[in-house]
PDB file of N, CA and C in Angstrom:
ATOM      1  N   MET A   1     203.183  32.149  55.994  1.00  0.00           N
ATOM      2  CA  MET A   1     203.199  33.581  56.026  1.00  0.00           C
ATOM      3  C   MET A   1     201.900  34.106  55.257  1.00  0.00           C
ATOM      4  N   LYS A   2     201.261  33.206  54.270  1.00  0.00           N
ATOM      5  CA  LYS A   2     200.087  33.467  53.853  1.00  0.00           C
ATOM      6  C   LYS A   2     198.657  33.355  54.578  1.00  0.00           C
ATOM      7  N   PHE A   3     198.932  32.897  55.784  1.00  0.00           N
ATOM      8  CA  PHE A   3     197.911  32.694  56.830  1.00  0.00           C
ATOM      9  C   PHE A   3     197.898  34.233  57.588  1.00  0.00           C
ATOM     10  N   LEU A   4     198.544  35.048  57.462  1.00  0.00           N
ATOM     11  CA  LEU A   4     198.757  36.205  58.469  1.00  0.00           C
ATOM     12  C   LEU A   4     197.591  37.069  58.052  1.00  0.00           C
ATOM     13  N   PRO A   5     197.066  37.433  56.714  1.00  0.00           N
ATOM     14  CA  PRO A   5     196.121  38.506  56.426  1.00  0.00           C
ATOM     15  C   PRO A   5     194.498  37.792  57.154  1.00  0.00           C
ATOM     16  N   ALA A   6     194.553  36.405  57.118  1.00  0.00           N
ATOM     17  CA  ALA A   6     193.432  35.872  57.630  1.00  0.00           C
ATOM     18  C   ALA A   6     193.432  36.103  59.357  1.00  0.00           C
ATOM     19  N   ALA A   7     194.358  35.819  59.837  1.00  0.00           N
ATOM     20  CA  ALA A   7     194.556  35.819  60.991  1.00  0.00           C
ATOM     21  C   ALA A   7     194.438  37.138  61.625  1.00  0.00           C
ATOM     22  N   LEU A   8     194.902  38.388  60.760  1.00  0.00           N
ATOM     23  CA  LEU A   8     194.566  39.616  61.222  1.00  0.00           C
ATOM     24  C   LEU A   8     193.244  40.174  61.388  1.00  0.00           C
ATOM     25  N   LEU A   9     192.354  39.433  59.962  1.00  0.00           N
ATOM     26  CA  LEU A   9     191.185  39.865  60.013  1.00  0.00           C
ATOM     27  C   LEU A   9     190.266  38.883  61.155  1.00  0.00           C
ATOM     28  N   PHE A  10     190.567  37.984  61.403  1.00  0.00           N
ATOM     29  CA  PHE A  10     189.965  37.289  62.444  1.00  0.00           C
ATOM     30  C   PHE A  10     189.766  37.951  63.680  1.00  0.00           C
ATOM     31  N   THR A  11     191.299  38.650  63.834  1.00  0.00           N
ATOM     32  CA  THR A  11     191.565  39.053  65.242  1.00  0.00           C
ATOM     33  C   THR A  11     191.073  40.372  65.425  1.00  0.00           C
ATOM     34  N   ALA A  12     190.693  41.185  64.355  1.00  0.00           N
ATOM     35  CA  ALA A  12     190.259  42.543  64.070  1.00  0.00           C
ATOM     36  C   ALA A  12     188.673  42.240  64.499  1.00  0.00           C
ATOM     37  N   THR A  13     188.170  41.101  63.778  1.00  0.00           N
ATOM     38  CA  THR A  13     186.625  40.856  63.932  1.00  0.00           C
ATOM     39  C   THR A  13     186.351  40.410  65.446  1.00  0.00           C
ATOM     40  N   LEU A  14     187.165  39.763  65.894  1.00  0.00           N
ATOM     41  CA  LEU A  14     187.142  39.435  67.364  1.00  0.00           C
ATOM     42  C   LEU A  14     187.236  40.570  68.491  1.00  0.00           C
ATOM     43  N   ILE A  15     187.927  41.276  68.023  1.00  0.00           N
ATOM     44  CA  ILE A  15     188.172  42.520  69.204  1.00  0.00           C
ATOM     45  C   ILE A  15     187.114  43.455  68.803  1.00  0.00           C
ATOM     46  N   SER A  16     186.701  43.436  67.666  1.00  0.00           N
ATOM     47  CA  SER A  16     185.358  44.563  67.289  1.00  0.00           C
ATOM     48  C   SER A  16     184.257  43.972  68.098  1.00  0.00           C
ATOM     49  N   ALA A  17     184.039  42.804  68.352  1.00  0.00           N
ATOM     50  CA  ALA A  17     183.052  42.104  68.893  1.00  0.00           C
ATOM     51  C   ALA A  17     182.837  42.258  70.694  1.00  0.00           C
ATOM     52  N   LEU A  18     184.137  42.666  71.026  1.00  0.00           N
ATOM     53  CA  LEU A  18     184.083  42.701  72.478  1.00  0.00           C
ATOM     54  C   LEU A  18     183.619  44.292  73.114  1.00  0.00           C
ATOM     55  N   PRO A  19     183.033  44.191  74.144  1.00  0.00           N
ATOM     56  CA  PRO A  19     182.415  45.381  74.675  1.00  0.00           C
ATOM     57  C   PRO A  19     183.609  46.729  74.757  1.00  0.00           C
ATOM     58  N   GLY A  20     183.175  47.693  74.483  1.00  0.00           N
ATOM     59  CA  GLY A  20     184.075  48.807  74.646  1.00  0.00           C
ATOM     60  C   GLY A  20     184.923  48.995  73.372  1.00  0.00           C
ATOM     61  N   PHE A  21     185.025  48.096  72.203  1.00  0.00           N
ATOM     62  CA  PHE A  21     185.849  47.877  71.345  1.00  0.00           C
ATOM     63  C   PHE A  21     185.010  48.244  69.899  1.00  0.00           C
ATOM     64  N   ALA A  22     183.537  48.254  70.105  1.00  0.00           N
ATOM     65  CA  ALA A  22     182.881  48.393  68.963  1.00  0.00           C
ATOM     66  C   ALA A  22     183.230  49.910  68.085  1.00  0.00           C
ATOM     67  N   GLN A  23     183.022  49.599  66.811  1.00  0.00           N
ATOM     68  CA  GLN A  23     182.902  50.972  66.082  1.00  0.00           C
ATOM     69  C   GLN A  23     182.064  51.824  66.274  1.00  0.00           C
ATOM     70  N   GLU A  24     182.351  53.253  66.315  1.00  0.00           N
ATOM     71  CA  GLU A  24     181.582  54.096  66.638  1.00  0.00           C
ATOM     72  C   GLU A  24     180.456  54.261  65.454  1.00  0.00           C
ATOM     73  N   PRO A  25     179.099  54.591  65.839  1.00  0.00           N
ATOM     74  CA  PRO A  25     178.110  54.794  64.784  1.00  0.00           C
ATOM     75  C   PRO A  25     178.418  55.968  63.741  1.00  0.00           C
ATOM     76  N   SER A  26     178.113  55.964  62.500  1.00  0.00           N
ATOM     77  CA  SER A  26     178.234  57.190  61.497  1.00  0.00           C
ATOM     78  C   SER A  26     177.366  58.141  62.454  1.00  0.00           C
ATOM     79  N   LEU A  27     177.082  59.422  61.558  1.00  0.00           N
ATOM     80  CA  LEU A  27     176.247  60.510  62.155  1.00  0.00           C
ATOM     81  C   LEU A  27     175.070  59.797  61.653  1.00  0.00           C
ATOM     82  N   ALA A  28     174.613  59.105  60.517  1.00  0.00           N
ATOM     83  CA  ALA A  28     173.035  58.780  60.228  1.00  0.00           C
ATOM     84  C   ALA A  28     172.902  57.827  60.876  1.00  0.00           C
ATOM     85  N   GLU A  29     173.698  56.765  61.426  1.00  0.00           N
ATOM     86  CA  GLU A  29     173.432  55.577  62.412  1.00  0.00           C
ATOM     87  C   GLU A  29     172.979  56.339  63.808  1.00  0.00           C
ATOM     88  N   ALA A  30     173.667  57.208  64.069  1.00  0.00           N
ATOM     89  CA  ALA A  30     173.471  57.829  65.342  1.00  0.00           C
ATOM     90  C   ALA A  30     171.958  58.444  65.299  1.00  0.00           C
ATOM     91  N   GLU A  31     171.789  59.281  64.430  1.00  0.00           N
ATOM     92  CA  GLU A  31     170.279  59.948  64.155  1.00  0.00           C
ATOM     93  C   GLU A  31     169.224  58.731  64.177  1.00  0.00           C
ATOM     94  N   ARG A  32     169.544  57.695  63.849  1.00  0.00           N
ATOM     95  CA  ARG A  32     168.425  56.509  63.886  1.00  0.00           C
ATOM     96  C   ARG A  32     168.431  55.882  65.219  1.00  0.00           C
ATOM     97  N   LEU A  33     169.628  55.595  65.680  1.00  0.00           N
ATOM     98  CA  LEU A  33     169.665  55.329  67.098  1.00  0.00           C
ATOM     99  C   LEU A  33     168.866  55.967  68.185  1.00  0.00           C
ATOM    100  N   VAL A  34     169.129  57.429  67.799  1.00  0.00           N
ATOM    101  CA  VAL A  34     168.776  58.423  68.891  1.00  0.00           C
ATOM    102  C   VAL A  34     167.326  58.398  68.931  1.00  0.00           C
ATOM    103  N   SER A  35     166.329  58.020  67.902  1.00  0.00           N
ATOM    104  CA  SER A  35     164.995  57.852  67.861  1.00  0.00           C
ATOM    105  C   SER A  35     164.579  56.821  68.712  1.00  0.00           C
ATOM    106  N   ALA A  36     165.540  56.020  69.441  1.00  0.00           N
ATOM    107  CA  ALA A  36     165.031  54.822  70.556  1.00  0.00           C
ATOM    108  C   ALA A  36     165.473  55.817  71.847  1.00  0.00           C
ATOM    109  N   LEU A  37     165.820  56.904  71.913  1.00  0.00           N
ATOM    110  CA  LEU A  37     166.257  57.314  73.152  1.00  0.00           C
ATOM    111  C   LEU A  37     164.739  57.606  73.902  1.00  0.00           C
ATOM    112  N   LYS A  38     164.660  57.470  75.205  1.00  0.00           N
ATOM    113  CA  LYS A  38     163.290  57.485  75.624  1.00  0.00           C
ATOM    114  C   LYS A  38     163.669  58.283  77.102  1.00  0.00           C
ATOM    115  N   ARG A  39     162.634  59.142  77.557  1.00  0.00           N
ATOM    116  CA  ARG A  39     162.929  59.651  78.903  1.00  0.00           C
ATOM    117  C   ARG A  39     162.636  58.644  80.191  1.00  0.00           C
ATOM    118  N   GLY A  40     163.645  58.699  81.353  1.00  0.00           N
ATOM    119  CA  GLY A  40     163.585  57.649  82.317  1.00  0.00           C
ATOM    120  C   GLY A  40     164.337  56.471  81.591  1.00  0.00           C
ATOM    121  N   MET A  41     165.292  56.516  80.409  1.00  0.00           N
ATOM    122  CA  MET A  41     166.053  55.565  80.413  1.00  0.00           C
ATOM    123  C   MET A  41     167.287  55.831  81.423  1.00  0.00           C
ATOM    124  N   THR A  42     168.167  54.486  81.573  1.00  0.00           N
ATOM    125  CA  THR A  42     169.030  54.641  82.754  1.00  0.00           C
ATOM    126  C   THR A  42     170.506  55.356  81.514  1.00  0.00           C
ATOM    127  N   SER A  43     171.431  55.648  82.382  1.00  0.00           N
ATOM    128  CA  SER A  43     172.578  55.825  81.733  1.00  0.00           C
ATOM    129  C   SER A  43     173.194  54.590  81.144  1.00  0.00           C
ATOM    130  N   ASP A  44     173.052  53.431  81.572  1.00  0.00           N
ATOM    131  CA  ASP A  44     173.483  52.212  81.208  1.00  0.00           C
ATOM    132  C   ASP A  44     173.050  51.919  79.881  1.00  0.00           C
ATOM    133  N   ASP A  45     171.480  52.064  80.015  1.00  0.00           N
ATOM    134  CA  ASP A  45     170.879  51.701  78.751  1.00  0.00           C
ATOM    135  C   ASP A  45     171.273  52.739  77.629  1.00  0.00           C
ATOM    136  N   VAL A  46     171.651  54.184  77.895  1.00  0.00           N
ATOM    137  CA  VAL A  46     172.096  55.037  76.788  1.00  0.00           C
ATOM    138  C   VAL A  46     173.409  54.494  76.297  1.00  0.00           C
ATOM    139  N   ARG A  47     174.394  54.210  77.225  1.00  0.00           N
ATOM    140  CA  ARG A  47     175.924  53.815  76.825  1.00  0.00           C
ATOM    141  C   ARG A  47     175.440  52.541  75.836  1.00  0.00           C
ATOM    142  N   LYS A  48     174.699  51.429  76.137  1.00  0.00           N
ATOM    143  CA  LYS A  48     174.511  50.423  75.422  1.00  0.00           C
ATOM    144  C   LYS A  48     174.229  50.554  74.102  1.00  0.00           C
ATOM    145  N   LEU A  49     173.013  51.897  74.000  1.00  0.00           N
ATOM    146  CA  LEU A  49     172.561  52.153  72.665  1.00  0.00           C
ATOM    147  C   LEU A  49     173.663  53.139  71.785  1.00  0.00           C
ATOM    148  N   LEU A  50     174.258  53.925  72.658  1.00  0.00           N
ATOM    149  CA  LEU A  50     175.036  54.996  71.873  1.00  0.00           C
ATOM    150  C   LEU A  50     176.616  54.780  71.858  1.00  0.00           C
ATOM    151  N   GLY A  51     177.056  53.945  72.981  1.00  0.00           N
ATOM    152  CA  GLY A  51     178.427  53.864  73.053  1.00  0.00           C
ATOM    153  C   GLY A  51     178.713  54.965  74.231  1.00  0.00           C
ATOM    154  N   THR A  52     180.247  55.010  74.400  1.00  0.00           N
ATOM    155  CA  THR A  52     180.587  55.936  75.579  1.00  0.00           C
ATOM    156  C   THR A  52     180.800  57.207  74.826  1.00  0.00           C
ATOM    157  N   PRO A  53     180.210  58.480  75.744  1.00  0.00           N
ATOM    158  CA  PRO A  53     179.997  59.775  75.224  1.00  0.00           C
ATOM    159  C   PRO A  53     181.601  60.288  75.061  1.00  0.00           C
ATOM    160  N   ARG A  54     181.669  61.186  74.082  1.00  0.00           N
ATOM    161  CA  ARG A  54     182.860  61.834  74.264  1.00  0.00           C
ATOM    162  C   ARG A  54     183.468  62.717  75.440  1.00  0.00           C
ATOM    163  N   ARG A  55     182.282  63.227  75.943  1.00  0.00           N
ATOM    164  CA  ARG A  55     182.583  64.438  76.990  1.00  0.00           C
ATOM    165  C   ARG A  55     181.492  63.909  78.041  1.00  0.00           C
ATOM    166  N   THR A  56     181.778  64.174  79.134  1.00  0.00           N
ATOM    167  CA  THR A  56     180.728  63.962  80.477  1.00  0.00           C
ATOM    168  C   THR A  56     181.024  65.542  81.455  1.00  0.00           C
ATOM    169  N   ALA A  57     180.036  65.679  81.895  1.00  0.00           N
ATOM    170  CA  ALA A  57     179.787  66.956  82.881  1.00  0.00           C
ATOM    171  C   ALA A  57     178.829  66.658  84.217  1.00  0.00           C
ATOM    172  N   ILE A  58     179.161  67.280  85.176  1.00  0.00           N
ATOM    173  CA  ILE A  58     178.161  67.185  86.172  1.00  0.00           C
ATOM    174  C   ILE A  58     177.929  68.533  86.607  1.00  0.00           C
ATOM    175  N   ARG A  59     176.503  68.966  86.638  1.00  0.00           N
ATOM    176  CA  ARG A  59     175.813  70.184  86.906  1.00  0.00           C
ATOM    177  C   ARG A  59     175.470  70.393  88.231  1.00  0.00           C
ATOM    178  N   SER A  60     175.681  71.328  88.628  1.00  0.00           N
ATOM    179  CA  SER A  60     175.074  71.731  90.151  1.00  0.00           C
ATOM    180  C   SER A  60     174.035  72.420  90.002  1.00  0.00           C
ATOM    181  N   ASP A  61     172.950  72.386  91.061  1.00  0.00           N
ATOM    182  CA  ASP A  61     171.774  72.972  90.912  1.00  0.00           C
ATOM    183  C   ASP A  61     171.824  74.517  91.658  1.00  0.00           C
ATOM    184  N   GLY A  62     172.866  75.012  92.004  1.00  0.00           N
ATOM    185  CA  GLY A  62     173.226  76.155  92.309  1.00  0.00           C
ATOM    186  C   GLY A  62     173.166  76.204  93.778  1.00  0.00           C
ATOM    187  N   ASN A  63     173.164  75.300  94.389  1.00  0.00           N
ATOM    188  CA  ASN A  63     173.234  75.383  96.481  1.00  0.00           C
ATOM    189  C   ASN A  63     174.615  75.450  96.375  1.00  0.00           C
ATOM    190  N   SER A  64     174.762  75.971  97.731  1.00  0.00           N
ATOM    191  CA  SER A  64     176.054  76.203  98.350  1.00  0.00           C
ATOM    192  C   SER A  64     177.077  74.962  98.225  1.00  0.00           C
ATOM    193  N   SER A  65     178.282  74.939  97.895  1.00  0.00           N
ATOM    194  CA  SER A  65     179.133  73.784  97.881  1.00  0.00           C
ATOM    195  C   SER A  65     179.309  73.128  99.143  1.00  0.00           C
ATOM    196  N   SER A  66     178.701  73.644 100.328  1.00  0.00           N
ATOM    197  CA  SER A  66     178.816  72.887 101.374  1.00  0.00           C
ATOM    198  C   SER A  66     177.677  72.091 101.643  1.00  0.00           C
ATOM    199  N   GLU A  67     176.511  72.135 100.633  1.00  0.00           N
ATOM    200  CA  GLU A  67     175.343  71.354 100.779  1.00  0.00           C
ATOM    201  C   GLU A  67     175.516  70.151  99.892  1.00  0.00           C
ATOM    202  N   VAL A  68     174.829  69.295 100.184  1.00  0.00           N
ATOM    203  CA  VAL A  68     174.693  68.104  99.063  1.00  0.00           C
ATOM    204  C   VAL A  68     173.465  68.691  98.063  1.00  0.00           C
ATOM    205  N   THR A  69     174.069  68.354  96.986  1.00  0.00           N
ATOM    206  CA  THR A  69     173.254  68.970  95.755  1.00  0.00           C
ATOM    207  C   THR A  69     172.944  68.079  95.070  1.00  0.00           C
ATOM    208  N   ARG A  70     171.617  68.093  94.225  1.00  0.00           N
ATOM    209  CA  ARG A  70     170.999  67.424  93.545  1.00  0.00           C
ATOM    210  C   ARG A  70     171.261  67.846  92.187  1.00  0.00           C
ATOM    211  N   GLY A  71     172.473  67.667  91.663  1.00  0.00           N
ATOM    212  CA  GLY A  71     172.769  68.737  90.180  1.00  0.00           C
ATOM    213  C   GLY A  71     172.146  67.230  89.275  1.00  0.00           C
ATOM    214  N   GLY A  72     172.951  67.515  88.061  1.00  0.00           N
ATOM    215  CA  GLY A  72     172.513  66.664  86.867  1.00  0.00           C
ATOM    216  C   GLY A  72     173.788  66.038  86.216  1.00  0.00           C
ATOM    217  N   LEU A  73     173.616  65.339  85.309  1.00  0.00           N
ATOM    218  CA  LEU A  73     174.925  64.548  84.669  1.00  0.00           C
ATOM    219  C   LEU A  73     174.635  65.035  83.314  1.00  0.00           C
ATOM    220  N   GLN A  74     175.551  65.290  82.457  1.00  0.00           N
ATOM    221  CA  GLN A  74     175.611  65.488  81.130  1.00  0.00           C
ATOM    222  C   GLN A  74     176.428  65.010  80.181  1.00  0.00           C
ATOM    223  N   TRP A  75     175.670  64.479  79.034  1.00  0.00           N
ATOM    224  CA  TRP A  75     176.812  63.595  78.327  1.00  0.00           C
ATOM    225  C   TRP A  75     176.884  64.167  76.870  1.00  0.00           C
ATOM    226  N   THR A  76     177.817  64.422  76.291  1.00  0.00           N
ATOM    227  CA  THR A  76     177.934  64.887  74.824  1.00  0.00           C
ATOM    228  C   THR A  76     178.692  63.836  73.990  1.00  0.00           C
ATOM    229  N   TYR A  77     177.735  63.572  72.795  1.00  0.00           N
ATOM    230  CA  TYR A  77     178.395  62.820  71.758  1.00  0.00           C
ATOM    231  C   TYR A  77     178.537  63.662  70.405  1.00  0.00           C
ATOM    232  N   VAL A  78     179.775  63.873  69.855  1.00  0.00           N
ATOM    233  CA  VAL A  78     179.892  64.152  68.564  1.00  0.00           C
ATOM    234  C   VAL A  78     180.212  63.200  67.602  1.00  0.00           C
ATOM    235  N   TRP A  79     179.677  63.517  66.088  1.00  0.00           N
ATOM    236  CA  TRP A  79     179.962  62.776  65.056  1.00  0.00           C
ATOM    237  C   TRP A  79     180.088  63.357  64.002  1.00  0.00           C
ATOM    238  N   ALA A  80     181.027  62.950  63.118  1.00  0.00           N
ATOM    239  CA  ALA A  80     181.394  63.884  61.832  1.00  0.00           C
ATOM    240  C   ALA A  80     180.225  63.643  60.719  1.00  0.00           C
ATOM    241  N   GLY A  81     179.950  64.643  60.246  1.00  0.00           N
ATOM    242  CA  GLY A  81     178.988  64.575  58.893  1.00  0.00           C
ATOM    243  C   GLY A  81     179.514  65.310  57.729  1.00  0.00           C
ATOM    244  N   ALA A  82     178.850  65.119  56.713  1.00  0.00           N
ATOM    245  CA  ALA A  82     179.267  65.719  55.637  1.00  0.00           C
ATOM    246  C   ALA A  82     179.268  67.183  55.629  1.00  0.00           C
ATOM    247  N   THR A  83     178.125  67.941  56.470  1.00  0.00           N
ATOM    248  CA  THR A  83     178.182  69.280  56.440  1.00  0.00           C
ATOM    249  C   THR A  83     178.618  69.883  57.831  1.00  0.00           C
ATOM    250  N   GLY A  84     179.409  69.012  58.517  1.00  0.00           N
ATOM    251  CA  GLY A  84     179.957  69.449  59.707  1.00  0.00           C
ATOM    252  C   GLY A  84     179.742  68.497  60.765  1.00  0.00           C
ATOM    253  N   PRO A  85     180.048  68.696  61.995  1.00  0.00           N
ATOM    254  CA  PRO A  85     179.853  67.532  63.126  1.00  0.00           C
ATOM    255  C   PRO A  85     178.301  67.693  63.523  1.00  0.00           C
ATOM    256  N   GLY A  86     177.876  66.698  64.238  1.00  0.00           N
ATOM    257  CA  GLY A  86     176.535  66.476  64.699  1.00  0.00           C
ATOM    258  C   GLY A  86     176.755  66.272  66.201  1.00  0.00           C
ATOM    259  N   THR A  87     176.051  67.183  67.190  1.00  0.00           N
ATOM    260  CA  THR A  87     176.657  66.985  68.346  1.00  0.00           C
ATOM    261  C   THR A  87     175.058  66.671  69.048  1.00  0.00           C
ATOM    262  N   LEU A  88     175.063  65.774  69.847  1.00  0.00           N
ATOM    263  CA  LEU A  88     173.973  65.397  70.850  1.00  0.00           C
ATOM    264  C   LEU A  88     174.513  65.475  72.345  1.00  0.00           C
ATOM    265  N   ARG A  89     173.637  66.295  73.085  1.00  0.00           N
ATOM    266  CA  ARG A  89     173.837  66.446  74.489  1.00  0.00           C
ATOM    267  C   ARG A  89     172.615  65.742  75.047  1.00  0.00           C
ATOM    268  N   ILE A  90     172.929  65.077  75.873  1.00  0.00           N
ATOM    269  CA  ILE A  90     171.949  64.144  76.972  1.00  0.00           C
ATOM    270  C   ILE A  90     172.089  64.565  78.527  1.00  0.00           C
ATOM    271  N   ASP A  91     171.144  65.094  78.841  1.00  0.00           N
ATOM    272  CA  ASP A  91     170.932  65.352  80.265  1.00  0.00           C
ATOM    273  C   ASP A  91     170.330  64.530  80.941  1.00  0.00           C
ATOM    274  N   PHE A  92     171.145  63.905  82.357  1.00  0.00           N
ATOM    275  CA  PHE A  92     170.492  63.133  83.195  1.00  0.00           C
ATOM    276  C   PHE A  92     169.802  63.763  84.337  1.00  0.00           C
ATOM    277  N   GLY A  93     168.924  63.226  85.244  1.00  0.00           N
ATOM    278  CA  GLY A  93     168.804  63.516  86.653  1.00  0.00           C
ATOM    279  C   GLY A  93     168.809  62.385  87.441  1.00  0.00           C
ATOM    280  N   GLN A  94     169.115  62.816  88.680  1.00  0.00           N
ATOM    281  CA  GLN A  94     169.113  61.321  89.581  1.00  0.00           C
ATOM    282  C   GLN A  94     167.542  61.186  90.343  1.00  0.00           C
ATOM    283  N   LYS A  95     167.130  60.207  89.923  1.00  0.00           N
ATOM    284  CA  LYS A  95     165.882  59.612  90.528  1.00  0.00           C
ATOM    285  C   LYS A  95     166.084  58.849  91.776  1.00  0.00           C
ATOM    286  N   TYR A  96     166.998  57.998  91.700  1.00  0.00           N
ATOM    287  CA  TYR A  96     167.481  57.172  92.978  1.00  0.00           C
ATOM    288  C   TYR A  96     168.857  57.564  93.258  1.00  0.00           C
ATOM    289  N   PRO A  97     169.681  57.106  94.192  1.00  0.00           N
ATOM    290  CA  PRO A  97     171.073  57.245  94.432  1.00  0.00           C
ATOM    291  C   PRO A  97     171.674  56.220  93.686  1.00  0.00           C
ATOM    292  N   GLU A  98     172.787  56.864  92.811  1.00  0.00           N
ATOM    293  CA  GLU A  98     173.385  56.200  92.002  1.00  0.00           C
ATOM    294  C   GLU A  98     173.002  55.690  90.725  1.00  0.00           C
ATOM    295  N   THR A  99     171.589  56.258  90.560  1.00  0.00           N
ATOM    296  CA  THR A  99     170.939  55.740  89.181  1.00  0.00           C
ATOM    297  C   THR A  99     170.724  57.193  88.241  1.00  0.00           C
ATOM    298  N   TRP A 100     171.294  57.325  87.413  1.00  0.00           N
ATOM    299  CA  TRP A 100     171.170  58.666  86.324  1.00  0.00           C
ATOM    300  C   TRP A 100     170.043  58.030  85.465  1.00  0.00           C
ATOM    301  N   ILE A 101     168.892  59.053  85.152  1.00  0.00           N
ATOM    302  CA  ILE A 101     167.965  58.688  84.154  1.00  0.00           C
ATOM    303  C   ILE A 101     168.029  60.038  83.083  1.00  0.00           C
ATOM    304  N   VAL A 102     167.561  59.687  81.830  1.00  0.00           N
ATOM    305  CA  VAL A 102     167.530  60.609  80.740  1.00  0.00           C
ATOM    306  C   VAL A 102     166.447  61.454  81.400  1.00  0.00           C
ATOM    307  N   THR A 103     166.679  62.602  81.144  1.00  0.00           N
ATOM    308  CA  THR A 103     165.729  63.860  81.388  1.00  0.00           C
ATOM    309  C   THR A 103     165.190  64.810  80.210  1.00  0.00           C
ATOM    310  N   ARG A 104     166.510  64.876  79.292  1.00  0.00           N
ATOM    311  CA  ARG A 104     166.227  65.448  77.943  1.00  0.00           C
ATOM    312  C   ARG A 104     167.165  65.345  77.100  1.00  0.00           C
ATOM    313  N   TRP A 105     167.012  65.500  75.737  1.00  0.00           N
ATOM    314  CA  TRP A 105     168.257  65.669  74.974  1.00  0.00           C
ATOM    315  C   TRP A 105     167.997  66.599  74.017  1.00  0.00           C
ATOM    316  N   ALA A 106     169.280  66.968  73.135  1.00  0.00           N
ATOM    317  CA  ALA A 106     169.105  67.869  71.921  1.00  0.00           C
ATOM    318  C   ALA A 106     170.476  67.565  71.129  1.00  0.00           C
ATOM    319  N   TRP A 107     169.837  67.984  69.787  1.00  0.00           N
ATOM    320  CA  TRP A 107     170.883  67.686  68.892  1.00  0.00           C
ATOM    321  C   TRP A 107     171.291  69.355  68.552  1.00  0.00           C
ATOM    322  N   ASN A 108     172.510  69.430  68.227  1.00  0.00           N
ATOM    323  CA  ASN A 108     173.262  70.821  67.678  1.00  0.00           C
ATOM    324  C   ASN A 108     174.001  70.303  66.525  1.00  0.00           C
ATOM    325  N   GLY A 109     174.107  71.522  65.491  1.00  0.00           N
ATOM    326  CA  GLY A 109     175.045  71.423  64.440  1.00  0.00           C
ATOM    327  C   GLY A 109     173.974  70.747  63.328  1.00  0.00           C
ATOM    328  N   ASN A 110     174.699  70.291  62.294  1.00  0.00           N
ATOM    329  CA  ASN A 110     173.856  69.609  61.378  1.00  0.00           C
ATOM    330  C   ASN A 110     172.703  69.790  61.225  1.00  0.00           C
TER     331      ASN A 110
END
């Protein structure tokens, strides 16, 4: 029975190292990580840097719904901070089919 705490700690450490199970960064860490964002980064690169976004949305470019549109992808990240949440919005454009690249980003809040 005395091995149970060590086994739980080992399991928690092992799980946190798996992709998709990493702990979300704090607001301060996120602000530091965002400095590495660059226009033209792929959505996969952004996911590796910041993790999975809290919200995603597809924007239309305003064309008729019967036409193929070249809209945009928008990701929203939210982190808790001491004076309120920090929200990061990242906009992606589609340069090549199935490849989303960063076009701009903006912080809201904090």
